[in-house]
Amino acid sequence: MPLAGPLGEAEGDWSVDEPPWRPESLTLMSDYEVPVPLWIGPGVCLDRKHLDRLRLSESLSQRLLEWQQHFDDHFGYRFAWDGPSSSTAYAEEGFRLLRDLGEELPDARVTLDLWPVTGQAPAT
């Protein structure tokens, strides 16, 4: 029997023939070395498999991964950006991603946590 994944489904049980997965709520938030900057609850970060199951447009999925990579590349382990332009670009793209996620997932409650910009601890 396969082990259950973090979202309850058995690992390896998903196929592209299944309907898209539609969570009730998501948090858009980067953190150190996470695979995808989307969370479904405290400490539950999505992985690439779950991102694929959302069936977002290819461009939005790619932008999410690039936003996370921007965080990894420019936000240091001392909780500081390498420059103000990096922080500004990160925040601006975060708001665009929030808008676009809302358009592609109209039934989900999507929130944006910009803790790397605001200086507040992450929500999850």
PDB file of N, CA and C in Angstrom:
ATOM      1  N   MET A   1       0.847  -1.182   0.000  1.00  0.00           N
ATOM      2  CA  MET A   1       0.000   0.000   0.000  1.00  0.00           C
ATOM      3  C   MET A   1       0.886   1.238   0.000  1.00  0.00           C
ATOM      4  N   PRO A   2       0.658   2.198  -0.906  1.00  0.00           N
ATOM      5  CA  PRO A   2       1.490   3.388  -0.956  1.00  0.00           C
ATOM      6  C   PRO A   2       1.284   4.270   0.268  1.00  0.00           C
ATOM      7  N   LEU A   3       2.314   5.014   0.603  1.00  0.00           N
ATOM      8  CA  LEU A   3       2.227   5.955   1.715  1.00  0.00           C
ATOM      9  C   LEU A   3       1.414   7.166   1.306  1.00  0.00           C
ATOM     10  N   ALA A   4       0.704   7.742   2.253  1.00  0.00           N
ATOM     11  CA  ALA A   4      -0.074   8.946   1.975  1.00  0.00           C
ATOM     12  C   ALA A   4       0.852  10.143   1.898  1.00  0.00           C
ATOM     13  N   GLY A   5       0.587  11.020   0.938  1.00  0.00           N
ATOM     14  CA  GLY A   5       1.350  12.254   0.800  1.00  0.00           C
ATOM     15  C   GLY A   5       0.855  13.301   1.780  1.00  0.00           C
ATOM     16  N   PRO A   6       1.454  14.501   1.756  1.00  0.00           N
ATOM     17  CA  PRO A   6       1.102  15.533   2.713  1.00  0.00           C
ATOM     18  C   PRO A   6      -0.325  16.030   2.576  1.00  0.00           C
ATOM     19  N   LEU A   7      -0.964  15.790   1.458  1.00  0.00           N
ATOM     20  CA  LEU A   7      -2.337  16.233   1.270  1.00  0.00           C
ATOM     21  C   LEU A   7      -3.327  15.084   1.341  1.00  0.00           C
ATOM     22  N   GLY A   8      -2.861  13.919   1.799  1.00  0.00           N
ATOM     23  CA  GLY A   8      -3.741  12.795   2.032  1.00  0.00           C
ATOM     24  C   GLY A   8      -3.831  11.782   0.910  1.00  0.00           C
ATOM     25  N   GLU A   9      -3.444  12.135  -0.294  1.00  0.00           N
ATOM     26  CA  GLU A   9      -3.531  11.177  -1.389  1.00  0.00           C
ATOM     27  C   GLU A   9      -2.327  10.252  -1.354  1.00  0.00           C
ATOM     28  N   ALA A  10      -2.481   9.105  -1.946  1.00  0.00           N
ATOM     29  CA  ALA A  10      -1.359   8.169  -2.001  1.00  0.00           C
ATOM     30  C   ALA A  10      -0.337   8.671  -3.005  1.00  0.00           C
ATOM     31  N   GLU A  11       0.920   8.604  -2.635  1.00  0.00           N
ATOM     32  CA  GLU A  11       1.982   9.018  -3.551  1.00  0.00           C
ATOM     33  C   GLU A  11       1.908   8.157  -4.807  1.00  0.00           C
ATOM     34  N   GLY A  12       1.993   8.781  -5.959  1.00  0.00           N
ATOM     35  CA  GLY A  12       1.990   8.056  -7.221  1.00  0.00           C
ATOM     36  C   GLY A  12       0.610   7.700  -7.739  1.00  0.00           C
ATOM     37  N   ASP A  13      -0.467   8.093  -7.045  1.00  0.00           N
ATOM     38  CA  ASP A  13      -1.817   7.746  -7.469  1.00  0.00           C
ATOM     39  C   ASP A  13      -2.440   8.746  -8.431  1.00  0.00           C
ATOM     40  N   TRP A  14      -1.804   9.846  -8.695  1.00  0.00           N
ATOM     41  CA  TRP A  14      -2.415  10.893  -9.497  1.00  0.00           C
ATOM     42  C   TRP A  14      -2.116  10.695 -10.968  1.00  0.00           C
ATOM     43  N   SER A  15      -3.107  10.952 -11.812  1.00  0.00           N
ATOM     44  CA  SER A  15      -2.880  10.908 -13.256  1.00  0.00           C
ATOM     45  C   SER A  15      -3.481  12.162 -13.880  1.00  0.00           C
ATOM     46  N   VAL A  16      -3.005  12.505 -15.058  1.00  0.00           N
ATOM     47  CA  VAL A  16      -3.483  13.710 -15.730  1.00  0.00           C
ATOM     48  C   VAL A  16      -4.938  13.597 -16.167  1.00  0.00           C
ATOM     49  N   ASP A  17      -5.514  12.408 -16.109  1.00  0.00           N
ATOM     50  CA  ASP A  17      -6.915  12.233 -16.479  1.00  0.00           C
ATOM     51  C   ASP A  17      -7.870  12.669 -15.374  1.00  0.00           C
ATOM     52  N   GLU A  18      -7.355  12.874 -14.176  1.00  0.00           N
ATOM     53  CA  GLU A  18      -8.200  13.291 -13.060  1.00  0.00           C
ATOM     54  C   GLU A  18      -8.542  14.769 -13.187  1.00  0.00           C
ATOM     55  N   PRO A  19      -9.669  15.183 -12.588  1.00  0.00           N
ATOM     56  CA  PRO A  19     -10.008  16.607 -12.628  1.00  0.00           C
ATOM     57  C   PRO A  19      -8.989  17.422 -11.829  1.00  0.00           C
ATOM     58  N   PRO A  20      -8.889  18.719 -12.120  1.00  0.00           N
ATOM     59  CA  PRO A  20      -7.952  19.561 -11.375  1.00  0.00           C
ATOM     60  C   PRO A  20      -8.287  19.580  -9.888  1.00  0.00           C
ATOM     61  N   TRP A  21      -7.268  19.746  -9.085  1.00  0.00           N
ATOM     62  CA  TRP A  21      -7.432  19.885  -7.641  1.00  0.00           C
ATOM     63  C   TRP A  21      -7.748  21.340  -7.346  1.00  0.00           C
ATOM     64  N   ARG A  22      -8.752  21.595  -6.528  1.00  0.00           N
ATOM     65  CA  ARG A  22      -9.172  22.950  -6.200  1.00  0.00           C
ATOM     66  C   ARG A  22      -9.292  23.112  -4.684  1.00  0.00           C
ATOM     67  N   PRO A  23      -8.237  23.575  -4.023  1.00  0.00           N
ATOM     68  CA  PRO A  23      -8.305  23.794  -2.582  1.00  0.00           C
ATOM     69  C   PRO A  23      -9.194  24.995  -2.261  1.00  0.00           C
ATOM     70  N   GLU A  24      -9.715  25.028  -1.041  1.00  0.00           N
ATOM     71  CA  GLU A  24     -10.543  26.154  -0.612  1.00  0.00           C
ATOM     72  C   GLU A  24      -9.714  27.410  -0.414  1.00  0.00           C
ATOM     73  N   SER A  25      -8.487  27.236   0.085  1.00  0.00           N
ATOM     74  CA  SER A  25      -7.645  28.406   0.324  1.00  0.00           C
ATOM     75  C   SER A  25      -6.181  28.064   0.088  1.00  0.00           C
ATOM     76  N   LEU A  26      -5.427  29.077  -0.290  1.00  0.00           N
ATOM     77  CA  LEU A  26      -3.992  28.965  -0.515  1.00  0.00           C
ATOM     78  C   LEU A  26      -3.322  30.228  -0.003  1.00  0.00           C
ATOM     79  N   THR A  27      -2.102  30.077   0.459  1.00  0.00           N
ATOM     80  CA  THR A  27      -1.280  31.234   0.799  1.00  0.00           C
ATOM     81  C   THR A  27      -0.100  31.266  -0.155  1.00  0.00           C
ATOM     82  N   LEU A  28       0.095  32.402  -0.775  1.00  0.00           N
ATOM     83  CA  LEU A  28       1.241  32.636  -1.647  1.00  0.00           C
ATOM     84  C   LEU A  28       2.342  33.221  -0.773  1.00  0.00           C
ATOM     85  N   MET A  29       3.421  32.451  -0.590  1.00  0.00           N
ATOM     86  CA  MET A  29       4.486  32.881   0.313  1.00  0.00           C
ATOM     87  C   MET A  29       5.763  32.109   0.014  1.00  0.00           C
ATOM     88  N   SER A  30       6.858  32.823  -0.095  1.00  0.00           N
ATOM     89  CA  SER A  30       8.161  32.175  -0.233  1.00  0.00           C
ATOM     90  C   SER A  30       8.706  31.825   1.137  1.00  0.00           C
ATOM     91  N   ASP A  31       9.591  30.865   1.152  1.00  0.00           N
ATOM     92  CA  ASP A  31      10.390  30.551   2.331  1.00  0.00           C
ATOM     93  C   ASP A  31      11.653  29.890   1.806  1.00  0.00           C
ATOM     94  N   TYR A  32      12.604  29.693   2.666  1.00  0.00           N
ATOM     95  CA  TYR A  32      13.885  29.160   2.228  1.00  0.00           C
ATOM     96  C   TYR A  32      13.746  27.766   1.624  1.00  0.00           C
ATOM     97  N   GLU A  33      14.184  27.638   0.380  1.00  0.00           N
ATOM     98  CA  GLU A  33      14.322  26.365  -0.327  1.00  0.00           C
ATOM     99  C   GLU A  33      13.037  25.546  -0.447  1.00  0.00           C
ATOM    100  N   VAL A  34      11.871  26.199  -0.480  1.00  0.00           N
ATOM    101  CA  VAL A  34      10.642  25.441  -0.721  1.00  0.00           C
ATOM    102  C   VAL A  34      10.509  25.197  -2.227  1.00  0.00           C
ATOM    103  N   PRO A  35       9.885  24.101  -2.628  1.00  0.00           N
ATOM    104  CA  PRO A  35       9.783  23.809  -4.058  1.00  0.00           C
ATOM    105  C   PRO A  35       8.806  24.725  -4.793  1.00  0.00           C
ATOM    106  N   VAL A  36       7.737  25.125  -4.112  1.00  0.00           N
ATOM    107  CA  VAL A  36       6.683  25.945  -4.705  1.00  0.00           C
ATOM    108  C   VAL A  36       6.220  26.931  -3.629  1.00  0.00           C
ATOM    109  N   PRO A  37       6.047  28.210  -3.947  1.00  0.00           N
ATOM    110  CA  PRO A  37       5.663  29.180  -2.920  1.00  0.00           C
ATOM    111  C   PRO A  37       4.156  29.233  -2.646  1.00  0.00           C
ATOM    112  N   LEU A  38       3.529  28.071  -2.566  1.00  0.00           N
ATOM    113  CA  LEU A  38       2.107  27.981  -2.241  1.00  0.00           C
ATOM    114  C   LEU A  38       1.930  27.047  -1.057  1.00  0.00           C
ATOM    115  N   TRP A  39       1.068  27.441  -0.134  1.00  0.00           N
ATOM    116  CA  TRP A  39       0.839  26.713   1.113  1.00  0.00           C
ATOM    117  C   TRP A  39      -0.655  26.495   1.291  1.00  0.00           C
ATOM    118  N   ILE A  40      -1.021  25.355   1.886  1.00  0.00           N
ATOM    119  CA  ILE A  40      -2.437  25.089   2.160  1.00  0.00           C
ATOM    120  C   ILE A  40      -2.746  25.096   3.646  1.00  0.00           C
ATOM    121  N   GLY A  41      -1.793  25.371   4.464  1.00  0.00           N
ATOM    122  CA  GLY A  41      -2.018  25.438   5.897  1.00  0.00           C
ATOM    123  C   GLY A  41      -0.698  25.619   6.601  1.00  0.00           C
ATOM    124  N   PRO A  42      -0.739  25.735   7.918  1.00  0.00           N
ATOM    125  CA  PRO A  42       0.505  25.916   8.669  1.00  0.00           C
ATOM    126  C   PRO A  42       1.491  24.785   8.384  1.00  0.00           C
ATOM    127  N   GLY A  43       2.611  25.142   7.802  1.00  0.00           N
ATOM    128  CA  GLY A  43       3.673  24.175   7.561  1.00  0.00           C
ATOM    129  C   GLY A  43       3.441  23.207   6.417  1.00  0.00           C
ATOM    130  N   VAL A  44       2.403  23.412   5.602  1.00  0.00           N
ATOM    131  CA  VAL A  44       2.118  22.489   4.506  1.00  0.00           C
ATOM    132  C   VAL A  44       2.329  23.218   3.176  1.00  0.00           C
ATOM    133  N   CYS A  45       3.535  23.077   2.655  1.00  0.00           N
ATOM    134  CA  CYS A  45       3.910  23.703   1.389  1.00  0.00           C
ATOM    135  C   CYS A  45       3.651  22.718   0.252  1.00  0.00           C
ATOM    136  N   LEU A  46       3.132  23.220  -0.844  1.00  0.00           N
ATOM    137  CA  LEU A  46       2.912  22.360  -2.000  1.00  0.00           C
ATOM    138  C   LEU A  46       4.240  21.983  -2.643  1.00  0.00           C
ATOM    139  N   ASP A  47       4.232  20.861  -3.338  1.00  0.00           N
ATOM    140  CA  ASP A  47       5.398  20.477  -4.130  1.00  0.00           C
ATOM    141  C   ASP A  47       5.009  20.554  -5.609  1.00  0.00           C
ATOM    142  N   ARG A  48       5.918  20.192  -6.483  1.00  0.00           N
ATOM    143  CA  ARG A  48       5.665  20.309  -7.923  1.00  0.00           C
ATOM    144  C   ARG A  48       4.481  19.455  -8.364  1.00  0.00           C
ATOM    145  N   LYS A  49       4.324  18.293  -7.763  1.00  0.00           N
ATOM    146  CA  LYS A  49       3.202  17.418  -8.114  1.00  0.00           C
ATOM    147  C   LYS A  49       1.874  18.120  -7.825  1.00  0.00           C
ATOM    148  N   HIS A  50       1.787  18.765  -6.668  1.00  0.00           N
ATOM    149  CA  HIS A  50       0.548  19.452  -6.310  1.00  0.00           C
ATOM    150  C   HIS A  50       0.326  20.681  -7.187  1.00  0.00           C
ATOM    151  N   LEU A  51       1.409  21.363  -7.545  1.00  0.00           N
ATOM    152  CA  LEU A  51       1.286  22.495  -8.466  1.00  0.00           C
ATOM    153  C   LEU A  51       0.717  22.014  -9.800  1.00  0.00           C
ATOM    154  N   ASP A  52       1.212  20.902 -10.290  1.00  0.00           N
ATOM    155  CA  ASP A  52       0.694  20.339 -11.541  1.00  0.00           C
ATOM    156  C   ASP A  52      -0.791  20.007 -11.425  1.00  0.00           C
ATOM    157  N   ARG A  53      -1.203  19.508 -10.266  1.00  0.00           N
ATOM    158  CA  ARG A  53      -2.613  19.128 -10.074  1.00  0.00           C
ATOM    159  C   ARG A  53      -3.547  20.325 -10.053  1.00  0.00           C
ATOM    160  N   LEU A  54      -3.026  21.516  -9.758  1.00  0.00           N
ATOM    161  CA  LEU A  54      -3.864  22.715  -9.795  1.00  0.00           C
ATOM    162  C   LEU A  54      -4.264  23.067 -11.229  1.00  0.00           C
ATOM    163  N   ARG A  55      -3.470  22.590 -12.194  1.00  0.00           N
ATOM    164  CA  ARG A  55      -3.712  22.845 -13.617  1.00  0.00           C
ATOM    165  C   ARG A  55      -3.772  24.342 -13.927  1.00  0.00           C
ATOM    166  N   LEU A  56      -2.832  25.076 -13.359  1.00  0.00           N
ATOM    167  CA  LEU A  56      -2.699  26.487 -13.696  1.00  0.00           C
ATOM    168  C   LEU A  56      -2.119  26.598 -15.102  1.00  0.00           C
ATOM    169  N   SER A  57      -2.228  27.782 -15.677  1.00  0.00           N
ATOM    170  CA  SER A  57      -1.592  27.981 -16.978  1.00  0.00           C
ATOM    171  C   SER A  57      -0.091  27.760 -16.827  1.00  0.00           C
ATOM    172  N   GLU A  58       0.525  27.339 -17.906  1.00  0.00           N
ATOM    173  CA  GLU A  58       1.966  27.092 -17.871  1.00  0.00           C
ATOM    174  C   GLU A  58       2.733  28.357 -17.495  1.00  0.00           C
ATOM    175  N   SER A  59       2.295  29.497 -18.005  1.00  0.00           N
ATOM    176  CA  SER A  59       3.008  30.746 -17.704  1.00  0.00           C
ATOM    177  C   SER A  59       2.889  31.111 -16.229  1.00  0.00           C
ATOM    178  N   LEU A  60       1.721  30.914 -15.621  1.00  0.00           N
ATOM    179  CA  LEU A  60       1.573  31.231 -14.201  1.00  0.00           C
ATOM    180  C   LEU A  60       2.378  30.264 -13.347  1.00  0.00           C
ATOM    181  N   SER A  61       2.354  28.998 -13.668  1.00  0.00           N
ATOM    182  CA  SER A  61       3.163  28.028 -12.920  1.00  0.00           C
ATOM    183  C   SER A  61       4.638  28.395 -12.992  1.00  0.00           C
ATOM    184  N   GLN A  62       5.107  28.764 -14.167  1.00  0.00           N
ATOM    185  CA  GLN A  62       6.510  29.146 -14.335  1.00  0.00           C
ATOM    186  C   GLN A  62       6.838  30.409 -13.544  1.00  0.00           C
ATOM    187  N   ARG A  63       5.949  31.383 -13.555  1.00  0.00           N
ATOM    188  CA  ARG A  63       6.182  32.624 -12.796  1.00  0.00           C
ATOM    189  C   ARG A  63       6.238  32.354 -11.299  1.00  0.00           C
ATOM    190  N   LEU A  64       5.420  31.441 -10.805  1.00  0.00           N
ATOM    191  CA  LEU A  64       5.485  31.079  -9.383  1.00  0.00           C
ATOM    192  C   LEU A  64       6.863  30.519  -9.039  1.00  0.00           C
ATOM    193  N   LEU A  65       7.350  29.621  -9.878  1.00  0.00           N
ATOM    194  CA  LEU A  65       8.668  29.029  -9.636  1.00  0.00           C
ATOM    195  C   LEU A  65       9.773  30.076  -9.748  1.00  0.00           C
ATOM    196  N   GLU A  66       9.652  31.004 -10.682  1.00  0.00           N
ATOM    197  CA  GLU A  66      10.645  32.070 -10.826  1.00  0.00           C
ATOM    198  C   GLU A  66      10.608  33.027  -9.640  1.00  0.00           C
ATOM    199  N   TRP A  67       9.428  33.296  -9.104  1.00  0.00           N
ATOM    200  CA  TRP A  67       9.294  34.170  -7.929  1.00  0.00           C
ATOM    201  C   TRP A  67       9.997  33.533  -6.734  1.00  0.00           C
ATOM    202  N   GLN A  68       9.803  32.233  -6.557  1.00  0.00           N
ATOM    203  CA  GLN A  68      10.497  31.526  -5.482  1.00  0.00           C
ATOM    204  C   GLN A  68      12.006  31.561  -5.712  1.00  0.00           C
ATOM    205  N   GLN A  69      12.441  31.374  -6.934  1.00  0.00           N
ATOM    206  CA  GLN A  69      13.875  31.409  -7.233  1.00  0.00           C
ATOM    207  C   GLN A  69      14.455  32.797  -6.976  1.00  0.00           C
ATOM    208  N   HIS A  70      13.693  33.845  -7.277  1.00  0.00           N
ATOM    209  CA  HIS A  70      14.138  35.212  -6.988  1.00  0.00           C
ATOM    210  C   HIS A  70      14.371  35.368  -5.485  1.00  0.00           C
ATOM    211  N   PHE A  71      13.445  34.850  -4.686  1.00  0.00           N
ATOM    212  CA  PHE A  71      13.616  34.878  -3.231  1.00  0.00           C
ATOM    213  C   PHE A  71      14.891  34.141  -2.835  1.00  0.00           C
ATOM    214  N   ASP A  72      15.067  32.919  -3.322  1.00  0.00           N
ATOM    215  CA  ASP A  72      16.248  32.121  -2.973  1.00  0.00           C
ATOM    216  C   ASP A  72      17.543  32.817  -3.384  1.00  0.00           C
ATOM    217  N   ASP A  73      17.530  33.490  -4.522  1.00  0.00           N
ATOM    218  CA  ASP A  73      18.740  34.125  -5.036  1.00  0.00           C
ATOM    219  C   ASP A  73      19.071  35.453  -4.363  1.00  0.00           C
ATOM    220  N   HIS A  74      18.055  36.161  -3.860  1.00  0.00           N
ATOM    221  CA  HIS A  74      18.280  37.541  -3.413  1.00  0.00           C
ATOM    222  C   HIS A  74      17.973  37.818  -1.944  1.00  0.00           C
ATOM    223  N   PHE A  75      17.361  36.874  -1.240  1.00  0.00           N
ATOM    224  CA  PHE A  75      17.044  37.098   0.174  1.00  0.00           C
ATOM    225  C   PHE A  75      17.958  36.207   1.000  1.00  0.00           C
ATOM    226  N   GLY A  76      18.906  36.823   1.685  1.00  0.00           N
ATOM    227  CA  GLY A  76      19.943  36.075   2.378  1.00  0.00           C
ATOM    228  C   GLY A  76      19.491  35.415   3.662  1.00  0.00           C
ATOM    229  N   TYR A  77      20.336  34.529   4.141  1.00  0.00           N
ATOM    230  CA  TYR A  77      20.030  33.784   5.362  1.00  0.00           C
ATOM    231  C   TYR A  77      19.975  34.686   6.592  1.00  0.00           C
ATOM    232  N   ARG A  78      20.434  35.911   6.471  1.00  0.00           N
ATOM    233  CA  ARG A  78      20.347  36.868   7.592  1.00  0.00           C
ATOM    234  C   ARG A  78      19.074  37.712   7.494  1.00  0.00           C
ATOM    235  N   PHE A  79      18.109  37.209   6.778  1.00  0.00           N
ATOM    236  CA  PHE A  79      16.816  37.878   6.616  1.00  0.00           C
ATOM    237  C   PHE A  79      16.968  39.273   6.022  1.00  0.00           C
ATOM    238  N   ALA A  80      17.747  39.371   4.953  1.00  0.00           N
ATOM    239  CA  ALA A  80      17.949  40.663   4.302  1.00  0.00           C
ATOM    240  C   ALA A  80      18.048  40.487   2.791  1.00  0.00           C
ATOM    241  N   TRP A  81      17.500  41.443   2.075  1.00  0.00           N
ATOM    242  CA  TRP A  81      17.607  41.473   0.627  1.00  0.00           C
ATOM    243  C   TRP A  81      18.986  41.964   0.230  1.00  0.00           C
ATOM    244  N   ASP A  82      19.430  41.581  -0.950  1.00  0.00           N
ATOM    245  CA  ASP A  82      20.732  42.043  -1.433  1.00  0.00           C
ATOM    246  C   ASP A  82      20.665  43.462  -1.989  1.00  0.00           C
ATOM    247  N   GLY A  83      19.484  44.033  -2.046  1.00  0.00           N
ATOM    248  CA  GLY A  83      19.321  45.420  -2.476  1.00  0.00           C
ATOM    249  C   GLY A  83      17.853  45.785  -2.550  1.00  0.00           C
ATOM    250  N   PRO A  84      17.556  47.086  -2.498  1.00  0.00           N
ATOM    251  CA  PRO A  84      16.154  47.513  -2.523  1.00  0.00           C
ATOM    252  C   PRO A  84      15.425  47.141  -3.813  1.00  0.00           C
ATOM    253  N   SER A  85      16.131  47.092  -4.930  1.00  0.00           N
ATOM    254  CA  SER A  85      15.444  46.733  -6.179  1.00  0.00           C
ATOM    255  C   SER A  85      14.972  45.279  -6.156  1.00  0.00           C
ATOM    256  N   SER A  86      15.712  44.408  -5.491  1.00  0.00           N
ATOM    257  CA  SER A  86      15.293  43.001  -5.375  1.00  0.00           C
ATOM    258  C   SER A  86      14.020  42.885  -4.557  1.00  0.00           C
ATOM    259  N   SER A  87      13.954  43.624  -3.461  1.00  0.00           N
ATOM    260  CA  SER A  87      12.774  43.611  -2.599  1.00  0.00           C
ATOM    261  C   SER A  87      11.558  44.167  -3.333  1.00  0.00           C
ATOM    262  N   THR A  88      11.751  45.274  -4.030  1.00  0.00           N
ATOM    263  CA  THR A  88      10.653  45.901  -4.767  1.00  0.00           C
ATOM    264  C   THR A  88      10.136  44.985  -5.869  1.00  0.00           C
ATOM    265  N   ALA A  89      11.041  44.404  -6.643  1.00  0.00           N
ATOM    266  CA  ALA A  89      10.633  43.495  -7.721  1.00  0.00           C
ATOM    267  C   ALA A  89       9.878  42.296  -7.162  1.00  0.00           C
ATOM    268  N   TYR A  90      10.343  41.772  -6.032  1.00  0.00           N
ATOM    269  CA  TYR A  90       9.694  40.629  -5.386  1.00  0.00           C
ATOM    270  C   TYR A  90       8.259  40.987  -4.979  1.00  0.00           C
ATOM    271  N   ALA A  91       8.087  42.124  -4.316  1.00  0.00           N
ATOM    272  CA  ALA A  91       6.759  42.527  -3.858  1.00  0.00           C
ATOM    273  C   ALA A  91       5.825  42.792  -5.034  1.00  0.00           C
ATOM    274  N   GLU A  92       6.314  43.494  -6.039  1.00  0.00           N
ATOM    275  CA  GLU A  92       5.466  43.797  -7.196  1.00  0.00           C
ATOM    276  C   GLU A  92       4.998  42.527  -7.898  1.00  0.00           C
ATOM    277  N   GLU A  93       5.910  41.583  -8.095  1.00  0.00           N
ATOM    278  CA  GLU A  93       5.511  40.325  -8.737  1.00  0.00           C
ATOM    279  C   GLU A  93       4.573  39.531  -7.830  1.00  0.00           C
ATOM    280  N   GLY A  94       4.763  39.605  -6.521  1.00  0.00           N
ATOM    281  CA  GLY A  94       3.861  38.927  -5.596  1.00  0.00           C
ATOM    282  C   GLY A  94       2.421  39.390  -5.765  1.00  0.00           C
ATOM    283  N   PHE A  95       2.224  40.709  -5.903  1.00  0.00           N
ATOM    284  CA  PHE A  95       0.874  41.229  -6.103  1.00  0.00           C
ATOM    285  C   PHE A  95       0.305  40.809  -7.461  1.00  0.00           C
ATOM    286  N   ARG A  96       1.141  40.764  -8.490  1.00  0.00           N
ATOM    287  CA  ARG A  96       0.666  40.289  -9.800  1.00  0.00           C
ATOM    288  C   ARG A  96       0.286  38.807  -9.732  1.00  0.00           C
ATOM    289  N   LEU A  97       1.105  38.016  -9.052  1.00  0.00           N
ATOM    290  CA  LEU A  97       0.795  36.588  -8.906  1.00  0.00           C
ATOM    291  C   LEU A  97      -0.505  36.387  -8.134  1.00  0.00           C
ATOM    292  N   LEU A  98      -0.714  37.171  -7.087  1.00  0.00           N
ATOM    293  CA  LEU A  98      -1.949  37.080  -6.310  1.00  0.00           C
ATOM    294  C   LEU A  98      -3.157  37.341  -7.211  1.00  0.00           C
ATOM    295  N   ARG A  99      -3.075  38.387  -8.005  1.00  0.00           N
ATOM    296  CA  ARG A  99      -4.171  38.716  -8.923  1.00  0.00           C
ATOM    297  C   ARG A  99      -4.421  37.574  -9.911  1.00  0.00           C
ATOM    298  N   ASP A 100      -3.340  37.056 -10.494  1.00  0.00           N
ATOM    299  CA  ASP A 100      -3.480  36.016 -11.513  1.00  0.00           C
ATOM    300  C   ASP A 100      -3.941  34.684 -10.926  1.00  0.00           C
ATOM    301  N   LEU A 101      -3.497  34.363  -9.721  1.00  0.00           N
ATOM    302  CA  LEU A 101      -4.006  33.160  -9.054  1.00  0.00           C
ATOM    303  C   LEU A 101      -5.502  33.294  -8.798  1.00  0.00           C
ATOM    304  N   GLY A 102      -5.933  34.476  -8.386  1.00  0.00           N
ATOM    305  CA  GLY A 102      -7.355  34.713  -8.171  1.00  0.00           C
ATOM    306  C   GLY A 102      -8.172  34.527  -9.436  1.00  0.00           C
ATOM    307  N   GLU A 103      -7.601  34.913 -10.569  1.00  0.00           N
ATOM    308  CA  GLU A 103      -8.301  34.739 -11.847  1.00  0.00           C
ATOM    309  C   GLU A 103      -8.370  33.271 -12.262  1.00  0.00           C
ATOM    310  N   GLU A 104      -7.294  32.527 -12.018  1.00  0.00           N
ATOM    311  CA  GLU A 104      -7.269  31.124 -12.448  1.00  0.00           C
ATOM    312  C   GLU A 104      -7.896  30.171 -11.427  1.00  0.00           C
ATOM    313  N   LEU A 105      -8.001  30.612 -10.179  1.00  0.00           N
ATOM    314  CA  LEU A 105      -8.631  29.804  -9.123  1.00  0.00           C
ATOM    315  C   LEU A 105      -9.738  30.639  -8.472  1.00  0.00           C
ATOM    316  N   PRO A 106     -10.798  30.957  -9.207  1.00  0.00           N
ATOM    317  CA  PRO A 106     -11.800  31.896  -8.695  1.00  0.00           C
ATOM    318  C   PRO A 106     -12.540  31.424  -7.450  1.00  0.00           C
ATOM    319  N   ASP A 107     -12.586  30.136  -7.191  1.00  0.00           N
ATOM    320  CA  ASP A 107     -13.303  29.636  -6.018  1.00  0.00           C
ATOM    321  C   ASP A 107     -12.414  29.482  -4.794  1.00  0.00           C
ATOM    322  N   ALA A 108     -11.128  29.736  -4.943  1.00  0.00           N
ATOM    323  CA  ALA A 108     -10.192  29.604  -3.814  1.00  0.00           C
ATOM    324  C   ALA A 108      -9.951  30.972  -3.181  1.00  0.00           C
ATOM    325  N   ARG A 109      -9.763  30.960  -1.882  1.00  0.00           N
ATOM    326  CA  ARG A 109      -9.368  32.166  -1.152  1.00  0.00           C
ATOM    327  C   ARG A 109      -7.838  32.180  -1.154  1.00  0.00           C
ATOM    328  N   VAL A 110      -7.249  33.108  -1.891  1.00  0.00           N
ATOM    329  CA  VAL A 110      -5.797  33.185  -2.009  1.00  0.00           C
ATOM    330  C   VAL A 110      -5.317  34.426  -1.271  1.00  0.00           C
ATOM    331  N   THR A 111      -4.364  34.233  -0.367  1.00  0.00           N
ATOM    332  CA  THR A 111      -3.782  35.355   0.366  1.00  0.00           C
ATOM    333  C   THR A 111      -2.294  35.433   0.051  1.00  0.00           C
ATOM    334  N   LEU A 112      -1.743  36.621   0.218  1.00  0.00           N
ATOM    335  CA  LEU A 112      -0.326  36.874  -0.036  1.00  0.00           C
ATOM    336  C   LEU A 112       0.353  37.233   1.271  1.00  0.00           C
ATOM    337  N   ASP A 113       1.411  36.523   1.604  1.00  0.00           N
ATOM    338  CA  ASP A 113       2.211  36.818   2.793  1.00  0.00           C
ATOM    339  C   ASP A 113       3.578  37.310   2.322  1.00  0.00           C
ATOM    340  N   LEU A 114       3.820  38.590   2.463  1.00  0.00           N
ATOM    341  CA  LEU A 114       5.082  39.200   2.040  1.00  0.00           C
ATOM    342  C   LEU A 114       6.033  39.388   3.217  1.00  0.00           C
ATOM    343  N   TRP A 115       6.149  38.389   4.089  1.00  0.00           N
ATOM    344  CA  TRP A 115       7.007  38.540   5.263  1.00  0.00           C
ATOM    345  C   TRP A 115       8.437  38.944   4.910  1.00  0.00           C
ATOM    346  N   PRO A 116       9.014  38.518   3.788  1.00  0.00           N
ATOM    347  CA  PRO A 116      10.380  38.954   3.499  1.00  0.00           C
ATOM    348  C   PRO A 116      10.487  40.464   3.248  1.00  0.00           C
ATOM    349  N   VAL A 117       9.364  41.098   2.900  1.00  0.00           N
ATOM    350  CA  VAL A 117       9.358  42.535   2.643  1.00  0.00           C
ATOM    351  C   VAL A 117       8.919  43.296   3.889  1.00  0.00           C
ATOM    352  N   THR A 118       7.922  42.766   4.590  1.00  0.00           N
ATOM    353  CA  THR A 118       7.370  43.464   5.754  1.00  0.00           C
ATOM    354  C   THR A 118       8.203  43.272   7.007  1.00  0.00           C
ATOM    355  N   GLY A 119       8.989  42.208   7.055  1.00  0.00           N
ATOM    356  CA  GLY A 119       9.792  41.937   8.239  1.00  0.00           C
ATOM    357  C   GLY A 119       9.051  41.170   9.316  1.00  0.00           C
ATOM    358  N   GLN A 120       7.784  40.830   9.070  1.00  0.00           N
ATOM    359  CA  GLN A 120       7.017  40.056  10.038  1.00  0.00           C
ATOM    360  C   GLN A 120       7.256  38.575   9.805  1.00  0.00           C
ATOM    361  N   ALA A 121       7.116  37.797  10.863  1.00  0.00           N
ATOM    362  CA  ALA A 121       7.308  36.348  10.771  1.00  0.00           C
ATOM    363  C   ALA A 121       6.304  35.746   9.799  1.00  0.00           C
ATOM    364  N   PRO A 122       6.686  34.666   9.113  1.00  0.00           N
ATOM    365  CA  PRO A 122       5.758  34.011   8.185  1.00  0.00           C
ATOM    366  C   PRO A 122       4.479  33.583   8.881  1.00  0.00           C
ATOM    367  N   ALA A 123       3.379  33.581   8.121  1.00  0.00           N
ATOM    368  CA  ALA A 123       2.082  33.201   8.673  1.00  0.00           C
ATOM    369  C   ALA A 123       1.970  31.707   8.893  1.00  0.00           C
ATOM    370  N   THR A 124       2.713  30.896   8.144  1.00  0.00           N
ATOM    371  CA  THR A 124       2.582  29.447   8.291  1.00  0.00           C
ATOM    372  C   THR A 124       3.747  28.865   9.029  1.00  0.00           C
TER     373      THR A 124
END
